[in-house]
């Protein structure tokens, strides 16, 4: 992992995919965190208000594989699962629009 020491090392206006790729290879240092200033409300991402909690039944083998992969990517398994669903949904929508 490449250490991020200065806030200017973090690219601005990244897409979700670019952000995921960046943070897969970079990490914040203790020094960065010690010297970080609190963010102003205007710098914060918008709050999510339209999210809904759902329950999904999944066999244990699939869940364990998902958790192992998420750990290797330094993400939560639920975050990785949401990413997979969003990516696949996009692919399917793209296929449907070309028909």
C-alpha atoms as a PDB file:
ATOM      1  CA  UNK A   1       0.000   0.000   0.000  1.00  0.00           C
ATOM      2  CA  UNK A   2       1.228   3.457  -0.865  1.00  0.00           C
ATOM      3  CA  UNK A   3       1.006   5.856   2.100  1.00  0.00           C
ATOM      4  CA  UNK A   4      -0.937   9.102   1.664  1.00  0.00           C
ATOM      5  CA  UNK A   5       0.818  11.795   3.657  1.00  0.00           C
ATOM      6  CA  UNK A   6      -0.665  15.001   2.228  1.00  0.00           C
ATOM      7  CA  UNK A   7      -4.328  15.706   1.328  1.00  0.00           C
ATOM      8  CA  UNK A   8      -3.183  17.013  -2.062  1.00  0.00           C
ATOM      9  CA  UNK A   9      -2.144  13.452  -2.971  1.00  0.00           C
ATOM     10  CA  UNK A  10      -5.820  12.427  -3.045  1.00  0.00           C
ATOM     11  CA  UNK A  11      -7.328  13.056  -6.496  1.00  0.00           C
ATOM     12  CA  UNK A  12     -10.368  15.327  -6.597  1.00  0.00           C
ATOM     13  CA  UNK A  13     -13.709  14.457  -8.239  1.00  0.00           C
ATOM     14  CA  UNK A  14     -13.088  10.717  -8.560  1.00  0.00           C
ATOM     15  CA  UNK A  15     -15.899   8.445  -9.684  1.00  0.00           C
ATOM     16  CA  UNK A  16     -16.879   5.664  -7.277  1.00  0.00           C
ATOM     17  CA  UNK A  17     -14.866   3.215  -9.377  1.00  0.00           C
ATOM     18  CA  UNK A  18     -11.797   5.484  -9.456  1.00  0.00           C
ATOM     19  CA  UNK A  19     -12.090   6.036  -5.718  1.00  0.00           C
ATOM     20  CA  UNK A  20     -12.288   2.283  -5.061  1.00  0.00           C
ATOM     21  CA  UNK A  21      -9.248   1.669  -7.278  1.00  0.00           C
ATOM     22  CA  UNK A  22      -7.302   4.466  -5.548  1.00  0.00           C
ATOM     23  CA  UNK A  23      -8.068   3.246  -2.014  1.00  0.00           C
ATOM     24  CA  UNK A  24      -7.275  -0.362  -3.005  1.00  0.00           C
ATOM     25  CA  UNK A  25      -3.661   0.756  -3.403  1.00  0.00           C
ATOM     26  CA  UNK A  26      -3.352   3.677  -0.946  1.00  0.00           C
ATOM     27  CA  UNK A  27      -3.777   4.178   2.790  1.00  0.00           C
ATOM     28  CA  UNK A  28      -3.798   7.137   5.161  1.00  0.00           C
ATOM     29  CA  UNK A  29      -0.832   7.424   7.501  1.00  0.00           C
ATOM     30  CA  UNK A  30      -1.043   8.122  11.219  1.00  0.00           C
ATOM     31  CA  UNK A  31       0.735  11.419  10.565  1.00  0.00           C
ATOM     32  CA  UNK A  32      -1.940  12.393   8.036  1.00  0.00           C
ATOM     33  CA  UNK A  33      -4.708  11.633  10.537  1.00  0.00           C
ATOM     34  CA  UNK A  34      -2.976  13.485  13.375  1.00  0.00           C
ATOM     35  CA  UNK A  35      -2.688  16.655  11.295  1.00  0.00           C
ATOM     36  CA  UNK A  36      -6.033  16.454   9.492  1.00  0.00           C
ATOM     37  CA  UNK A  37      -8.412  19.331  10.079  1.00  0.00           C
ATOM     38  CA  UNK A  38     -12.120  18.782  10.689  1.00  0.00           C
ATOM     39  CA  UNK A  39     -14.162  19.035   7.499  1.00  0.00           C
ATOM     40  CA  UNK A  40     -16.620  21.852   7.031  1.00  0.00           C
ATOM     41  CA  UNK A  41     -20.237  20.742   6.474  1.00  0.00           C
ATOM     42  CA  UNK A  42     -20.002  22.005   2.864  1.00  0.00           C
ATOM     43  CA  UNK A  43     -17.117  19.574   2.202  1.00  0.00           C
ATOM     44  CA  UNK A  44     -19.039  16.529   3.379  1.00  0.00           C
ATOM     45  CA  UNK A  45     -20.759  14.231   0.868  1.00  0.00           C
ATOM     46  CA  UNK A  46     -24.542  14.506   0.771  1.00  0.00           C
ATOM     47  CA  UNK A  47     -26.382  12.427   3.325  1.00  0.00           C
ATOM     48  CA  UNK A  48     -28.138   9.361   1.985  1.00  0.00           C
ATOM     49  CA  UNK A  49     -31.809   9.501   2.706  1.00  0.00           C
ATOM     50  CA  UNK A  50     -33.195   7.034   0.210  1.00  0.00           C
ATOM     51  CA  UNK A  51     -31.386   3.872   1.340  1.00  0.00           C
ATOM     52  CA  UNK A  52     -33.453   0.926   2.532  1.00  0.00           C
ATOM     53  CA  UNK A  53     -32.207  -1.961   4.630  1.00  0.00           C
ATOM     54  CA  UNK A  54     -32.955  -5.390   3.153  1.00  0.00           C
ATOM     55  CA  UNK A  55     -32.300  -8.989   4.166  1.00  0.00           C
ATOM     56  CA  UNK A  56     -30.704 -11.445   1.742  1.00  0.00           C
ATOM     57  CA  UNK A  57     -30.377 -15.156   2.444  1.00  0.00           C
ATOM     58  CA  UNK A  58     -27.080 -16.525   1.161  1.00  0.00           C
ATOM     59  CA  UNK A  59     -25.445 -19.911   1.522  1.00  0.00           C
ATOM     60  CA  UNK A  60     -22.489 -19.957   3.903  1.00  0.00           C
ATOM     61  CA  UNK A  61     -19.913 -20.835   1.233  1.00  0.00           C
ATOM     62  CA  UNK A  62     -20.851 -17.798  -0.863  1.00  0.00           C
ATOM     63  CA  UNK A  63     -20.908 -15.528   2.186  1.00  0.00           C
ATOM     64  CA  UNK A  64     -17.491 -16.734   3.366  1.00  0.00           C
ATOM     65  CA  UNK A  65     -16.006 -16.219  -0.117  1.00  0.00           C
ATOM     66  CA  UNK A  66     -17.487 -12.718  -0.237  1.00  0.00           C
ATOM     67  CA  UNK A  67     -16.083 -11.884   3.205  1.00  0.00           C
ATOM     68  CA  UNK A  68     -12.618 -13.203   2.283  1.00  0.00           C
ATOM     69  CA  UNK A  69     -12.551 -11.166  -0.936  1.00  0.00           C
ATOM     70  CA  UNK A  70     -13.787  -8.053   0.861  1.00  0.00           C
ATOM     71  CA  UNK A  71     -11.054  -8.440   3.475  1.00  0.00           C
ATOM     72  CA  UNK A  72      -8.397  -8.662   0.728  1.00  0.00           C
ATOM     73  CA  UNK A  73      -9.820  -5.474  -0.808  1.00  0.00           C
ATOM     74  CA  UNK A  74      -9.945  -3.761   2.607  1.00  0.00           C
ATOM     75  CA  UNK A  75     -13.712  -3.239   2.363  1.00  0.00           C
ATOM     76  CA  UNK A  76     -16.723  -4.379   4.271  1.00  0.00           C
ATOM     77  CA  UNK A  77     -18.435  -7.373   2.672  1.00  0.00           C
ATOM     78  CA  UNK A  78     -21.774  -5.535   2.480  1.00  0.00           C
ATOM     79  CA  UNK A  79     -20.084  -2.638   0.679  1.00  0.00           C
ATOM     80  CA  UNK A  80     -18.477  -5.068  -1.777  1.00  0.00           C
ATOM     81  CA  UNK A  81     -21.807  -6.828  -2.333  1.00  0.00           C
ATOM     82  CA  UNK A  82     -23.510  -3.489  -3.083  1.00  0.00           C
ATOM     83  CA  UNK A  83     -20.696  -2.646  -5.505  1.00  0.00           C
ATOM     84  CA  UNK A  84     -21.168  -5.982  -7.300  1.00  0.00           C
ATOM     85  CA  UNK A  85     -24.924  -5.450  -7.590  1.00  0.00           C
ATOM     86  CA  UNK A  86     -24.503  -1.902  -8.923  1.00  0.00           C
ATOM     87  CA  UNK A  87     -21.881  -2.992 -11.474  1.00  0.00           C
ATOM     88  CA  UNK A  88     -23.967  -5.944 -12.695  1.00  0.00           C
ATOM     89  CA  UNK A  89     -27.126  -3.846 -12.855  1.00  0.00           C
ATOM     90  CA  UNK A  90     -25.261  -1.307 -14.990  1.00  0.00           C
ATOM     91  CA  UNK A  91     -24.028  -4.091 -17.329  1.00  0.00           C
ATOM     92  CA  UNK A  92     -27.525  -5.540 -17.709  1.00  0.00           C
ATOM     93  CA  UNK A  93     -29.069  -2.108 -18.343  1.00  0.00           C
ATOM     94  CA  UNK A  94     -26.390  -1.397 -20.936  1.00  0.00           C
ATOM     95  CA  UNK A  95     -27.142  -4.695 -22.729  1.00  0.00           C
ATOM     96  CA  UNK A  96     -30.873  -3.950 -22.687  1.00  0.00           C
ATOM     97  CA  UNK A  97     -30.399  -0.473 -24.158  1.00  0.00           C
ATOM     98  CA  UNK A  98     -28.496  -1.887 -27.151  1.00  0.00           C
ATOM     99  CA  UNK A  99     -31.385  -4.138 -28.227  1.00  0.00           C
END
